[in-house]
């Protein structure tokens, strides 16, 4: 058939994919890949030290132990002033009992997006604006809720969106609007994802070994090990 030539369709028959027999050669390859992937993902890397919840309502409306663990790990590894992720990054929607096992599949399910770790320098004024955006999604339980390490936030959910921060402190001191702080976050948020457009006003720290090189899910797995 020549490129651009006309093809005449004489008849169309509807068929359910479930009724079509799998090609034996292709199916064998699929089975082999699935076996290898399952063996990799089911590797045990740790256990839950306490009862944890990643239920949607819990990670999108307030402080959460698993969310804290993620951002604490990000801040510790990068030696940043603060760390930030959005609640919508956590997708397991499960509860875990004390001492239940953690596998690589567990973390892959909880953090399914291939987001990288980024380290940026941001002014206090833009940081607070970004957090206000995160708190604005509380009413509809959107994925914007900010999980933060290295910073103490007091907010009032009864206030209008954009005016919910009551106080914000870093290392016990009120956030300085003109000071630049180092922030460990995801490339998704740095690029303005989930409405965090203010983060794109920050300066990406040049020469950081973390830029575009470490997935958040891999970082958490390493920390658990």
N, C-alpha and C. Protein backbone atom coordinates (compact mmCIF):
# COMPACT_ATOMS: atom_id res chain seq x y z
N UNK A 1 0.84 -1.19 0.00
CA UNK A 1 0.00 0.00 0.00
C UNK A 1 0.88 1.25 0.00
N UNK A 2 0.59 2.17 -0.86
CA UNK A 2 1.35 3.40 -0.94
C UNK A 2 0.86 4.41 0.10
N UNK A 3 1.81 5.23 0.55
CA UNK A 3 1.46 6.27 1.50
C UNK A 3 0.44 7.22 0.88
N UNK A 4 -0.65 7.45 1.60
CA UNK A 4 -1.67 8.35 1.11
C UNK A 4 -2.74 7.68 0.26
N UNK A 5 -2.59 6.39 0.02
CA UNK A 5 -3.59 5.69 -0.78
C UNK A 5 -4.85 5.46 0.02
N UNK A 6 -5.95 5.24 -0.65
CA UNK A 6 -7.25 5.05 -0.01
C UNK A 6 -7.50 3.59 0.29
N UNK A 7 -8.00 3.32 1.51
CA UNK A 7 -8.33 1.95 1.89
C UNK A 7 -9.85 1.82 1.99
N UNK A 8 -10.40 0.87 1.29
CA UNK A 8 -11.85 0.63 1.33
C UNK A 8 -12.18 -0.43 2.38
N UNK A 9 -13.01 -0.05 3.34
CA UNK A 9 -13.42 -0.99 4.38
C UNK A 9 -14.76 -1.59 3.96
N UNK A 10 -14.77 -2.91 3.82
CA UNK A 10 -15.98 -3.58 3.34
C UNK A 10 -16.90 -4.02 4.48
N UNK A 11 -16.33 -4.30 5.63
CA UNK A 11 -17.17 -4.74 6.75
C UNK A 11 -16.43 -4.52 8.07
N UNK A 12 -17.21 -4.37 9.13
CA UNK A 12 -16.66 -4.19 10.47
C UNK A 12 -17.32 -5.19 11.41
N UNK A 13 -16.53 -5.86 12.21
CA UNK A 13 -17.05 -6.83 13.17
C UNK A 13 -16.59 -6.45 14.57
N UNK A 14 -17.52 -6.33 15.48
CA UNK A 14 -17.19 -5.98 16.86
C UNK A 14 -16.78 -7.23 17.63
N UNK A 15 -15.69 -7.14 18.37
CA UNK A 15 -15.22 -8.30 19.12
C UNK A 15 -14.75 -7.85 20.50
N UNK A 16 -15.06 -8.65 21.51
CA UNK A 16 -14.60 -8.38 22.87
C UNK A 16 -13.17 -8.88 23.01
N UNK A 17 -12.31 -8.05 23.60
CA UNK A 17 -10.92 -8.46 23.78
C UNK A 17 -10.81 -9.74 24.60
N UNK A 18 -11.74 -9.90 25.57
CA UNK A 18 -11.69 -11.09 26.42
C UNK A 18 -11.95 -12.38 25.63
N UNK A 19 -12.56 -12.26 24.45
CA UNK A 19 -12.86 -13.44 23.63
C UNK A 19 -11.72 -13.78 22.68
N UNK A 20 -10.70 -12.93 22.63
CA UNK A 20 -9.59 -13.17 21.72
C UNK A 20 -8.48 -13.91 22.46
N UNK A 21 -8.07 -15.02 21.93
CA UNK A 21 -7.02 -15.82 22.57
C UNK A 21 -5.68 -15.10 22.51
N UNK A 22 -4.95 -15.18 23.61
CA UNK A 22 -3.64 -14.53 23.68
C UNK A 22 -2.64 -15.29 22.81
N UNK A 23 -1.77 -14.55 22.19
CA UNK A 23 -0.68 -15.16 21.45
C UNK A 23 0.27 -15.82 22.46
N UNK A 24 0.56 -17.08 22.28
CA UNK A 24 1.32 -17.84 23.26
C UNK A 24 2.71 -17.27 23.49
N UNK A 25 3.36 -16.81 22.43
CA UNK A 25 4.71 -16.26 22.57
C UNK A 25 4.70 -14.95 23.35
N UNK A 26 3.75 -14.06 23.00
CA UNK A 26 3.64 -12.78 23.69
C UNK A 26 3.24 -13.00 25.14
N UNK A 27 2.30 -13.93 25.39
CA UNK A 27 1.85 -14.20 26.75
C UNK A 27 2.99 -14.72 27.62
N UNK A 28 3.85 -15.53 27.04
CA UNK A 28 5.00 -16.06 27.78
C UNK A 28 5.93 -14.93 28.20
N UNK A 29 6.12 -13.97 27.30
CA UNK A 29 6.96 -12.82 27.62
C UNK A 29 6.33 -11.98 28.73
N UNK A 30 5.01 -11.75 28.63
CA UNK A 30 4.30 -10.98 29.65
C UNK A 30 4.42 -11.67 31.00
N UNK A 31 4.25 -12.97 31.04
CA UNK A 31 4.34 -13.72 32.30
C UNK A 31 5.73 -13.62 32.92
N UNK A 32 6.75 -13.67 32.06
CA UNK A 32 8.12 -13.58 32.55
C UNK A 32 8.39 -12.20 33.16
N UNK A 33 7.96 -11.16 32.44
CA UNK A 33 8.16 -9.80 32.95
C UNK A 33 7.39 -9.59 34.25
N UNK A 34 6.16 -10.12 34.31
CA UNK A 34 5.34 -9.96 35.52
C UNK A 34 5.99 -10.68 36.70
N UNK A 35 6.53 -11.85 36.45
CA UNK A 35 7.19 -12.61 37.51
C UNK A 35 8.38 -11.83 38.07
N UNK A 36 9.18 -11.27 37.19
CA UNK A 36 10.36 -10.52 37.62
C UNK A 36 9.96 -9.23 38.35
N UNK A 37 8.90 -8.57 37.85
CA UNK A 37 8.44 -7.33 38.48
C UNK A 37 7.86 -7.60 39.86
N UNK A 38 7.06 -8.68 39.97
CA UNK A 38 6.48 -9.03 41.26
C UNK A 38 7.56 -9.35 42.28
N UNK A 39 8.58 -10.08 41.85
CA UNK A 39 9.68 -10.44 42.75
C UNK A 39 10.40 -9.19 43.24
N UNK A 40 10.55 -8.22 42.35
CA UNK A 40 11.21 -6.96 42.72
C UNK A 40 10.35 -6.14 43.68
N UNK A 41 9.05 -5.99 43.35
CA UNK A 41 8.17 -5.13 44.14
C UNK A 41 7.81 -5.74 45.50
N UNK A 42 7.82 -7.05 45.60
CA UNK A 42 7.44 -7.70 46.84
C UNK A 42 8.60 -7.87 47.82
N UNK A 43 9.73 -7.29 47.49
CA UNK A 43 10.87 -7.32 48.40
C UNK A 43 10.55 -6.52 49.66
N UNK A 44 10.78 -7.11 50.82
CA UNK A 44 10.50 -6.45 52.09
C UNK A 44 11.63 -5.50 52.43
N UNK A 45 11.28 -4.25 52.79
CA UNK A 45 12.30 -3.26 53.09
C UNK A 45 12.18 -2.70 54.50
N UNK A 46 11.11 -3.04 55.22
CA UNK A 46 10.96 -2.51 56.57
C UNK A 46 9.60 -2.86 57.14
N UNK A 47 9.23 -2.14 58.19
CA UNK A 47 7.91 -2.35 58.80
C UNK A 47 7.42 -1.03 59.37
N UNK A 48 6.11 -0.94 59.57
CA UNK A 48 5.50 0.27 60.12
C UNK A 48 5.71 0.30 61.62
N UNK A 49 6.31 1.37 62.11
CA UNK A 49 6.55 1.53 63.54
C UNK A 49 5.39 2.31 64.15
N UNK A 50 4.25 1.64 64.24
CA UNK A 50 3.03 2.27 64.74
C UNK A 50 1.92 2.13 63.71
N UNK A 51 0.74 2.63 64.06
CA UNK A 51 -0.40 2.61 63.14
C UNK A 51 -0.33 3.83 62.23
N UNK A 52 -0.47 3.60 60.93
CA UNK A 52 -0.38 4.69 59.95
C UNK A 52 -1.63 4.69 59.07
N UNK A 53 -1.96 5.86 58.57
CA UNK A 53 -3.08 5.99 57.64
C UNK A 53 -2.66 6.86 56.46
N UNK A 54 -3.01 6.39 55.28
CA UNK A 54 -2.83 7.22 54.08
C UNK A 54 -4.18 7.41 53.40
N UNK A 55 -5.25 7.25 54.16
CA UNK A 55 -6.60 7.44 53.65
C UNK A 55 -6.73 8.87 53.12
N UNK A 56 -7.43 9.01 52.03
CA UNK A 56 -7.53 10.28 51.32
C UNK A 56 -7.87 11.45 52.23
N UNK A 57 -8.88 11.28 53.08
CA UNK A 57 -9.29 12.37 53.97
C UNK A 57 -8.19 12.75 54.96
N UNK A 58 -7.37 11.79 55.34
CA UNK A 58 -6.34 12.05 56.33
C UNK A 58 -5.14 12.81 55.75
N UNK A 59 -4.80 12.56 54.50
CA UNK A 59 -3.62 13.20 53.93
C UNK A 59 -3.95 14.52 53.24
N UNK A 60 -5.25 14.85 53.16
CA UNK A 60 -5.64 16.07 52.45
C UNK A 60 -6.28 17.13 53.34
N UNK A 61 -6.23 16.92 54.65
CA UNK A 61 -6.88 17.92 55.52
C UNK A 61 -6.07 18.27 56.76
N UNK A 62 -4.97 17.56 57.02
CA UNK A 62 -4.21 17.87 58.22
C UNK A 62 -2.91 17.11 58.29
N UNK A 63 -2.20 17.33 59.40
CA UNK A 63 -0.91 16.68 59.59
C UNK A 63 -1.07 15.18 59.56
N UNK A 64 -0.10 14.49 58.95
CA UNK A 64 -0.19 13.05 58.75
C UNK A 64 1.18 12.43 58.99
N UNK A 65 1.21 11.32 59.70
CA UNK A 65 2.49 10.72 60.09
C UNK A 65 3.32 10.29 58.88
N UNK A 66 2.68 9.70 57.88
CA UNK A 66 3.43 9.26 56.70
C UNK A 66 3.91 10.47 55.90
N UNK A 67 3.04 11.48 55.78
CA UNK A 67 3.45 12.71 55.10
C UNK A 67 4.62 13.35 55.82
N UNK A 68 4.60 13.33 57.15
CA UNK A 68 5.71 13.87 57.93
C UNK A 68 7.00 13.11 57.66
N UNK A 69 6.89 11.79 57.56
CA UNK A 69 8.08 10.98 57.33
C UNK A 69 8.72 11.32 55.98
N UNK A 70 7.89 11.54 54.98
CA UNK A 70 8.41 11.86 53.65
C UNK A 70 9.17 13.18 53.67
N UNK A 71 8.53 14.23 54.20
CA UNK A 71 9.18 15.55 54.17
C UNK A 71 10.36 15.62 55.14
N UNK A 72 10.30 14.92 56.27
CA UNK A 72 11.45 14.88 57.17
C UNK A 72 12.65 14.25 56.47
N UNK A 73 12.38 13.20 55.70
CA UNK A 73 13.45 12.55 54.94
C UNK A 73 14.02 13.48 53.88
N UNK A 74 13.16 14.17 53.16
CA UNK A 74 13.61 15.11 52.14
C UNK A 74 14.49 16.21 52.73
N UNK A 75 14.07 16.74 53.87
CA UNK A 75 14.82 17.84 54.49
C UNK A 75 16.15 17.35 55.03
N UNK A 76 16.15 16.16 55.63
CA UNK A 76 17.39 15.63 56.22
C UNK A 76 18.43 15.33 55.14
N UNK A 77 18.01 14.72 54.05
CA UNK A 77 18.94 14.34 52.99
C UNK A 77 19.55 15.56 52.32
N UNK A 78 18.74 16.61 52.14
CA UNK A 78 19.22 17.80 51.43
C UNK A 78 19.79 18.87 52.35
N UNK A 79 19.61 18.69 53.67
CA UNK A 79 20.05 19.69 54.65
C UNK A 79 19.42 21.05 54.36
N UNK A 80 18.14 21.02 53.96
CA UNK A 80 17.41 22.25 53.65
C UNK A 80 16.75 22.81 54.91
N UNK A 81 16.36 24.09 54.82
CA UNK A 81 15.65 24.70 55.95
C UNK A 81 14.29 24.04 56.15
N UNK A 82 13.61 23.79 55.05
CA UNK A 82 12.26 23.23 55.09
C UNK A 82 12.06 22.26 53.93
N UNK A 83 11.02 21.46 54.02
CA UNK A 83 10.65 20.55 52.93
C UNK A 83 9.13 20.57 52.79
N UNK A 84 8.66 20.33 51.59
CA UNK A 84 7.23 20.46 51.31
C UNK A 84 6.79 19.50 50.22
N UNK A 85 5.70 18.78 50.46
CA UNK A 85 5.01 18.04 49.41
C UNK A 85 3.51 18.32 49.56
N UNK A 86 2.75 17.97 48.55
CA UNK A 86 1.29 18.11 48.60
C UNK A 86 0.64 16.78 48.95
N UNK A 87 -0.48 16.85 49.67
CA UNK A 87 -1.16 15.63 50.09
C UNK A 87 -1.60 14.75 48.93
N UNK A 88 -1.84 15.36 47.78
CA UNK A 88 -2.26 14.59 46.61
C UNK A 88 -1.18 13.68 46.06
N UNK A 89 0.06 13.84 46.55
CA UNK A 89 1.14 12.96 46.12
C UNK A 89 1.00 11.57 46.72
N UNK A 90 0.28 11.48 47.85
CA UNK A 90 0.14 10.22 48.58
C UNK A 90 -1.17 9.56 48.14
N UNK A 91 -1.08 8.38 47.52
CA UNK A 91 -2.26 7.80 46.86
C UNK A 91 -2.65 6.40 47.31
N UNK A 92 -2.03 5.89 48.37
CA UNK A 92 -2.34 4.52 48.78
C UNK A 92 -3.76 4.33 49.27
N UNK A 93 -4.29 5.34 50.00
CA UNK A 93 -5.65 5.29 50.54
C UNK A 93 -5.86 4.03 51.40
N UNK A 94 -4.90 3.80 52.31
CA UNK A 94 -4.93 2.58 53.13
C UNK A 94 -4.60 2.90 54.58
N UNK A 95 -4.86 1.92 55.44
CA UNK A 95 -4.40 1.99 56.82
C UNK A 95 -3.43 0.83 57.06
N UNK A 96 -2.45 1.07 57.92
CA UNK A 96 -1.44 0.06 58.22
C UNK A 96 -1.35 -0.11 59.73
N UNK A 97 -1.25 -1.36 60.17
CA UNK A 97 -1.14 -1.65 61.59
C UNK A 97 0.32 -1.72 62.01
N UNK A 98 0.53 -1.46 63.28
CA UNK A 98 1.87 -1.49 63.85
C UNK A 98 2.59 -2.80 63.51
N UNK A 99 3.82 -2.69 63.02
CA UNK A 99 4.70 -3.81 62.69
C UNK A 99 4.28 -4.59 61.45
N UNK A 100 3.30 -4.10 60.70
CA UNK A 100 3.01 -4.75 59.42
C UNK A 100 4.15 -4.42 58.45
N UNK A 101 4.40 -5.32 57.51
CA UNK A 101 5.57 -5.21 56.65
C UNK A 101 5.40 -4.13 55.58
N UNK A 102 6.52 -3.53 55.20
CA UNK A 102 6.57 -2.59 54.10
C UNK A 102 7.40 -3.20 52.98
N UNK A 103 6.85 -3.24 51.79
CA UNK A 103 7.57 -3.72 50.62
C UNK A 103 7.80 -2.56 49.65
N UNK A 104 8.59 -2.83 48.62
CA UNK A 104 8.78 -1.81 47.59
C UNK A 104 7.46 -1.49 46.91
N UNK A 105 6.59 -2.50 46.81
CA UNK A 105 5.26 -2.28 46.21
C UNK A 105 4.44 -1.31 47.06
N UNK A 106 4.58 -1.40 48.39
CA UNK A 106 3.86 -0.50 49.28
C UNK A 106 4.17 0.95 48.95
N UNK A 107 5.46 1.27 48.84
CA UNK A 107 5.86 2.64 48.59
C UNK A 107 5.52 3.06 47.17
N UNK A 108 5.65 2.13 46.22
CA UNK A 108 5.29 2.44 44.84
C UNK A 108 3.80 2.75 44.72
N UNK A 109 2.98 2.11 45.55
CA UNK A 109 1.54 2.37 45.54
C UNK A 109 1.22 3.69 46.23
N UNK A 110 1.96 3.98 47.29
CA UNK A 110 1.71 5.22 48.04
C UNK A 110 2.21 6.44 47.27
N UNK A 111 3.34 6.30 46.58
CA UNK A 111 3.94 7.42 45.84
C UNK A 111 4.12 7.00 44.38
N UNK A 112 3.02 6.91 43.63
CA UNK A 112 3.08 6.34 42.27
C UNK A 112 3.64 7.29 41.21
N UNK A 113 3.69 8.58 41.51
CA UNK A 113 4.12 9.54 40.48
C UNK A 113 5.64 9.63 40.45
N UNK A 114 6.18 9.73 39.26
CA UNK A 114 7.63 9.80 39.09
C UNK A 114 8.12 11.25 39.26
N UNK A 115 7.95 11.74 40.49
CA UNK A 115 8.38 13.10 40.79
C UNK A 115 9.79 13.09 41.36
N UNK A 116 10.58 14.07 40.94
CA UNK A 116 11.96 14.17 41.39
C UNK A 116 12.10 15.15 42.54
N UNK A 117 13.18 14.99 43.27
CA UNK A 117 13.51 15.88 44.37
C UNK A 117 14.20 17.12 43.82
N UNK A 118 13.71 18.28 44.23
CA UNK A 118 14.30 19.55 43.83
C UNK A 118 14.65 20.37 45.06
N UNK A 119 15.73 21.11 44.99
CA UNK A 119 16.11 22.01 46.07
C UNK A 119 16.13 23.42 45.51
N UNK A 120 15.36 24.32 46.14
CA UNK A 120 15.23 25.69 45.63
C UNK A 120 15.45 26.69 46.75
N UNK A 121 15.70 27.91 46.36
CA UNK A 121 15.83 29.02 47.31
C UNK A 121 14.65 29.95 47.09
N UNK A 122 13.87 30.18 48.14
CA UNK A 122 12.62 30.92 47.99
C UNK A 122 12.48 31.98 49.07
N UNK A 123 11.94 33.12 48.70
CA UNK A 123 11.69 34.19 49.67
C UNK A 123 10.52 33.82 50.57
N UNK A 124 10.59 34.30 51.80
CA UNK A 124 9.54 34.01 52.77
C UNK A 124 8.16 34.41 52.29
N UNK A 125 8.05 35.53 51.61
CA UNK A 125 6.75 36.00 51.15
C UNK A 125 6.13 35.02 50.16
N UNK A 126 6.95 34.49 49.25
CA UNK A 126 6.44 33.54 48.26
C UNK A 126 6.14 32.18 48.90
N UNK A 127 6.93 31.84 49.91
CA UNK A 127 6.69 30.59 50.63
C UNK A 127 5.32 30.61 51.30
N UNK A 128 5.01 31.70 51.98
CA UNK A 128 3.72 31.81 52.65
C UNK A 128 2.56 31.86 51.65
N UNK A 129 2.76 32.51 50.54
CA UNK A 129 1.73 32.54 49.50
C UNK A 129 1.47 31.13 48.98
N UNK A 130 2.52 30.36 48.82
CA UNK A 130 2.37 28.99 48.34
C UNK A 130 1.61 28.13 49.34
N UNK A 131 1.92 28.29 50.62
CA UNK A 131 1.23 27.51 51.64
C UNK A 131 -0.24 27.90 51.74
N UNK A 132 -0.54 29.18 51.54
CA UNK A 132 -1.94 29.60 51.52
C UNK A 132 -2.69 28.91 50.38
N UNK A 133 -2.03 28.76 49.24
CA UNK A 133 -2.64 28.03 48.13
C UNK A 133 -2.91 26.59 48.55
N UNK A 134 -1.94 25.99 49.24
CA UNK A 134 -2.12 24.62 49.71
C UNK A 134 -3.29 24.48 50.66
N UNK A 135 -3.47 25.46 51.54
CA UNK A 135 -4.56 25.41 52.52
C UNK A 135 -5.91 25.76 51.90
N UNK A 136 -5.90 26.35 50.72
CA UNK A 136 -7.16 26.76 50.09
C UNK A 136 -7.99 25.57 49.62
N UNK A 137 -7.35 24.40 49.50
CA UNK A 137 -8.08 23.22 49.03
C UNK A 137 -8.71 22.39 50.12
N UNK A 138 -8.68 22.90 51.36
CA UNK A 138 -9.21 22.14 52.49
C UNK A 138 -10.69 21.80 52.35
N UNK A 139 -11.47 22.74 51.93
CA UNK A 139 -12.92 22.56 51.91
C UNK A 139 -13.36 21.41 51.02
N UNK A 140 -12.69 21.26 49.87
CA UNK A 140 -13.05 20.21 48.92
C UNK A 140 -12.12 19.01 49.01
N UNK A 141 -11.25 18.99 50.02
CA UNK A 141 -10.25 17.92 50.19
C UNK A 141 -9.46 17.70 48.90
N UNK A 142 -9.02 18.81 48.31
CA UNK A 142 -8.18 18.71 47.13
C UNK A 142 -6.78 18.26 47.54
N UNK A 143 -5.96 17.93 46.57
CA UNK A 143 -4.64 17.39 46.87
C UNK A 143 -3.60 18.42 47.20
N UNK A 144 -4.01 19.66 47.43
CA UNK A 144 -3.05 20.74 47.62
C UNK A 144 -2.48 20.80 49.03
N UNK A 145 -3.11 20.14 50.00
CA UNK A 145 -2.72 20.33 51.41
C UNK A 145 -1.22 20.15 51.58
N UNK A 146 -0.54 21.12 52.24
CA UNK A 146 0.92 21.07 52.37
C UNK A 146 1.39 20.26 53.58
N UNK A 147 2.22 19.27 53.33
CA UNK A 147 2.91 18.56 54.41
C UNK A 147 4.31 19.16 54.49
N UNK A 148 4.67 19.65 55.67
CA UNK A 148 5.85 20.49 55.81
C UNK A 148 6.76 19.97 56.91
N UNK A 149 8.06 20.06 56.67
CA UNK A 149 9.06 19.75 57.68
C UNK A 149 9.94 20.98 57.90
N UNK A 150 10.30 21.24 59.16
CA UNK A 150 11.17 22.36 59.47
C UNK A 150 10.44 23.68 59.65
N UNK A 151 9.15 23.64 59.66
CA UNK A 151 8.36 24.86 59.75
C UNK A 151 7.09 24.57 60.55
N UNK A 152 6.75 25.44 61.48
CA UNK A 152 5.54 25.27 62.27
C UNK A 152 4.47 26.23 61.78
N UNK A 153 3.35 25.66 61.34
CA UNK A 153 2.23 26.45 60.81
C UNK A 153 1.02 26.30 61.72
N UNK A 154 0.42 27.40 62.07
CA UNK A 154 -0.90 27.39 62.73
C UNK A 154 -1.86 28.04 61.75
N UNK A 155 -2.96 27.34 61.44
CA UNK A 155 -3.92 27.90 60.49
C UNK A 155 -5.34 27.73 61.00
N UNK A 156 -6.23 28.54 60.48
CA UNK A 156 -7.64 28.50 60.85
C UNK A 156 -8.45 28.20 59.59
N UNK A 157 -9.01 27.00 59.52
CA UNK A 157 -9.75 26.57 58.33
C UNK A 157 -11.07 27.32 58.18
N UNK A 158 -11.49 28.04 59.22
CA UNK A 158 -12.73 28.82 59.13
C UNK A 158 -12.53 30.14 58.40
N UNK A 159 -11.28 30.55 58.28
CA UNK A 159 -10.99 31.79 57.55
C UNK A 159 -11.17 31.59 56.06
N UNK A 160 -11.33 32.68 55.34
CA UNK A 160 -11.44 32.60 53.88
C UNK A 160 -10.15 32.06 53.30
N UNK A 161 -10.28 31.34 52.17
CA UNK A 161 -9.11 30.83 51.47
C UNK A 161 -8.18 31.98 51.13
N UNK A 162 -6.89 31.77 51.37
CA UNK A 162 -5.90 32.82 51.14
C UNK A 162 -5.57 33.62 52.39
N UNK A 163 -6.35 33.38 53.47
CA UNK A 163 -6.13 34.11 54.72
C UNK A 163 -6.19 33.16 55.91
N UNK A 164 -5.67 31.96 55.73
CA UNK A 164 -5.83 30.94 56.75
C UNK A 164 -4.62 30.78 57.67
N UNK A 165 -3.46 31.26 57.28
CA UNK A 165 -2.29 31.15 58.14
C UNK A 165 -2.42 32.13 59.31
N UNK A 166 -2.35 31.59 60.52
CA UNK A 166 -2.40 32.41 61.73
C UNK A 166 -0.97 32.78 62.15
N UNK A 167 -0.07 31.80 62.08
CA UNK A 167 1.34 32.06 62.37
C UNK A 167 2.20 31.06 61.62
N UNK A 168 3.44 31.46 61.33
CA UNK A 168 4.37 30.59 60.61
C UNK A 168 5.77 30.87 61.14
N UNK A 169 6.45 29.81 61.63
CA UNK A 169 7.78 29.97 62.19
C UNK A 169 8.74 28.93 61.63
N UNK A 170 9.98 29.34 61.44
CA UNK A 170 11.06 28.46 61.04
C UNK A 170 12.15 28.57 62.09
N UNK A 171 12.52 27.44 62.68
CA UNK A 171 13.51 27.42 63.77
C UNK A 171 13.10 28.36 64.90
N UNK A 172 11.80 28.40 65.19
CA UNK A 172 11.29 29.18 66.30
C UNK A 172 11.12 30.66 66.03
N UNK A 173 11.47 31.10 64.83
CA UNK A 173 11.36 32.52 64.50
C UNK A 173 10.31 32.74 63.41
N UNK A 174 9.62 33.85 63.53
CA UNK A 174 8.62 34.21 62.53
C UNK A 174 9.25 34.28 61.15
N UNK A 175 8.55 33.77 60.15
CA UNK A 175 9.07 33.77 58.79
C UNK A 175 9.36 35.20 58.34
N UNK A 176 10.58 35.42 57.89
CA UNK A 176 11.00 36.72 57.38
C UNK A 176 10.61 36.81 55.91
N UNK A 177 9.74 37.74 55.57
CA UNK A 177 9.20 37.83 54.21
C UNK A 177 10.27 38.08 53.16
N UNK A 178 11.36 38.74 53.53
CA UNK A 178 12.40 39.10 52.57
C UNK A 178 13.58 38.13 52.57
N UNK A 179 13.63 37.25 53.54
CA UNK A 179 14.74 36.30 53.62
C UNK A 179 14.53 35.14 52.67
N UNK A 180 15.62 34.59 52.15
CA UNK A 180 15.54 33.41 51.29
C UNK A 180 15.82 32.16 52.12
N UNK A 181 14.98 31.17 51.94
CA UNK A 181 15.11 29.89 52.64
C UNK A 181 15.33 28.78 51.62
N UNK A 182 16.06 27.75 52.01
CA UNK A 182 16.22 26.60 51.12
C UNK A 182 15.04 25.66 51.35
N UNK A 183 14.47 25.21 50.27
CA UNK A 183 13.27 24.38 50.31
C UNK A 183 13.47 23.14 49.45
N UNK A 184 13.30 21.98 50.07
CA UNK A 184 13.29 20.71 49.33
C UNK A 184 11.85 20.39 48.96
N UNK A 185 11.60 20.20 47.69
CA UNK A 185 10.23 19.92 47.23
C UNK A 185 10.30 19.03 45.99
N UNK A 186 9.19 18.89 45.29
CA UNK A 186 9.16 18.07 44.08
C UNK A 186 9.22 18.94 42.84
N UNK A 187 9.68 18.35 41.76
CA UNK A 187 9.70 19.10 40.50
C UNK A 187 8.28 19.46 40.08
N UNK A 188 7.30 18.63 40.45
CA UNK A 188 5.90 18.90 40.11
C UNK A 188 5.44 20.21 40.74
N UNK A 189 5.72 20.39 42.03
CA UNK A 189 5.31 21.62 42.71
C UNK A 189 6.14 22.80 42.25
N UNK A 190 7.43 22.58 42.03
CA UNK A 190 8.30 23.66 41.58
C UNK A 190 7.84 24.21 40.23
N UNK A 191 7.27 23.35 39.41
CA UNK A 191 6.76 23.76 38.10
C UNK A 191 5.34 24.29 38.16
N UNK A 192 4.80 24.50 39.37
CA UNK A 192 3.49 25.11 39.52
C UNK A 192 2.34 24.15 39.64
N UNK A 193 2.63 22.86 39.80
CA UNK A 193 1.56 21.87 39.92
C UNK A 193 0.68 22.09 41.13
N UNK A 194 -0.60 21.72 41.03
CA UNK A 194 -1.60 21.87 42.09
C UNK A 194 -1.76 23.32 42.55
N UNK A 195 -1.46 24.25 41.65
CA UNK A 195 -1.65 25.66 41.96
C UNK A 195 -0.49 26.33 42.67
N UNK A 196 0.59 25.60 42.91
CA UNK A 196 1.75 26.17 43.61
C UNK A 196 2.62 27.00 42.66
N UNK A 197 2.01 27.95 42.00
CA UNK A 197 2.73 28.74 41.00
C UNK A 197 3.81 29.61 41.62
N UNK A 198 3.63 29.98 42.89
CA UNK A 198 4.61 30.84 43.55
C UNK A 198 5.98 30.18 43.64
N UNK A 199 6.00 28.84 43.70
CA UNK A 199 7.28 28.15 43.81
C UNK A 199 8.13 28.34 42.56
N UNK A 200 7.47 28.57 41.42
CA UNK A 200 8.23 28.77 40.19
C UNK A 200 8.98 30.10 40.20
N UNK A 201 8.64 30.97 41.15
CA UNK A 201 9.34 32.24 41.28
C UNK A 201 10.65 32.06 42.04
N UNK A 202 10.85 30.88 42.62
CA UNK A 202 12.05 30.63 43.40
C UNK A 202 13.25 30.37 42.49
N UNK A 203 14.41 30.37 43.09
CA UNK A 203 15.65 30.13 42.35
C UNK A 203 16.10 28.70 42.61
N UNK A 204 16.23 27.95 41.54
CA UNK A 204 16.72 26.58 41.69
C UNK A 204 18.21 26.62 42.01
N UNK A 205 18.60 25.87 43.02
CA UNK A 205 19.99 25.89 43.46
C UNK A 205 20.86 25.16 42.45
N UNK A 206 21.78 25.88 41.85
CA UNK A 206 22.64 25.31 40.82
C UNK A 206 23.65 24.33 41.44
N UNK A 207 23.92 23.28 40.69
CA UNK A 207 24.94 22.32 41.11
C UNK A 207 24.48 21.32 42.13
N UNK A 208 23.21 21.38 42.53
CA UNK A 208 22.72 20.40 43.50
C UNK A 208 22.71 19.02 42.87
N UNK A 209 23.23 18.03 43.57
CA UNK A 209 23.27 16.67 43.03
C UNK A 209 21.87 16.07 43.00
N UNK A 210 20.92 16.73 43.64
CA UNK A 210 19.58 16.17 43.73
C UNK A 210 18.71 16.55 42.53
N UNK A 211 19.13 17.57 41.78
CA UNK A 211 18.27 18.06 40.72
C UNK A 211 18.04 16.98 39.67
N UNK A 212 16.77 16.66 39.44
CA UNK A 212 16.36 15.72 38.39
C UNK A 212 17.08 14.38 38.47
N UNK A 213 17.43 13.95 39.68
CA UNK A 213 18.17 12.69 39.77
C UNK A 213 17.58 11.68 40.75
N UNK A 214 16.81 12.14 41.71
CA UNK A 214 16.28 11.24 42.73
C UNK A 214 14.76 11.31 42.76
N UNK A 215 14.12 10.17 42.58
CA UNK A 215 12.66 10.10 42.72
C UNK A 215 12.31 10.11 44.20
N UNK A 216 11.22 10.79 44.54
CA UNK A 216 10.78 10.85 45.93
C UNK A 216 10.52 9.44 46.46
N UNK A 217 9.90 8.60 45.66
CA UNK A 217 9.61 7.23 46.11
C UNK A 217 10.89 6.45 46.39
N UNK A 218 11.92 6.63 45.55
CA UNK A 218 13.20 5.95 45.80
C UNK A 218 13.86 6.46 47.07
N UNK A 219 13.76 7.77 47.29
CA UNK A 219 14.35 8.37 48.48
C UNK A 219 13.72 7.80 49.74
N UNK A 220 12.39 7.68 49.73
CA UNK A 220 11.68 7.12 50.90
C UNK A 220 12.06 5.67 51.11
N UNK A 221 12.17 4.90 50.04
CA UNK A 221 12.57 3.49 50.18
C UNK A 221 13.96 3.38 50.80
N UNK A 222 14.89 4.20 50.34
CA UNK A 222 16.25 4.16 50.89
C UNK A 222 16.22 4.50 52.38
N UNK A 223 15.42 5.48 52.74
CA UNK A 223 15.35 5.89 54.14
C UNK A 223 14.80 4.76 55.01
N UNK A 224 13.78 4.07 54.53
CA UNK A 224 13.18 2.97 55.28
C UNK A 224 14.19 1.85 55.49
N UNK A 225 14.97 1.56 54.44
CA UNK A 225 16.00 0.52 54.57
C UNK A 225 16.99 0.86 55.67
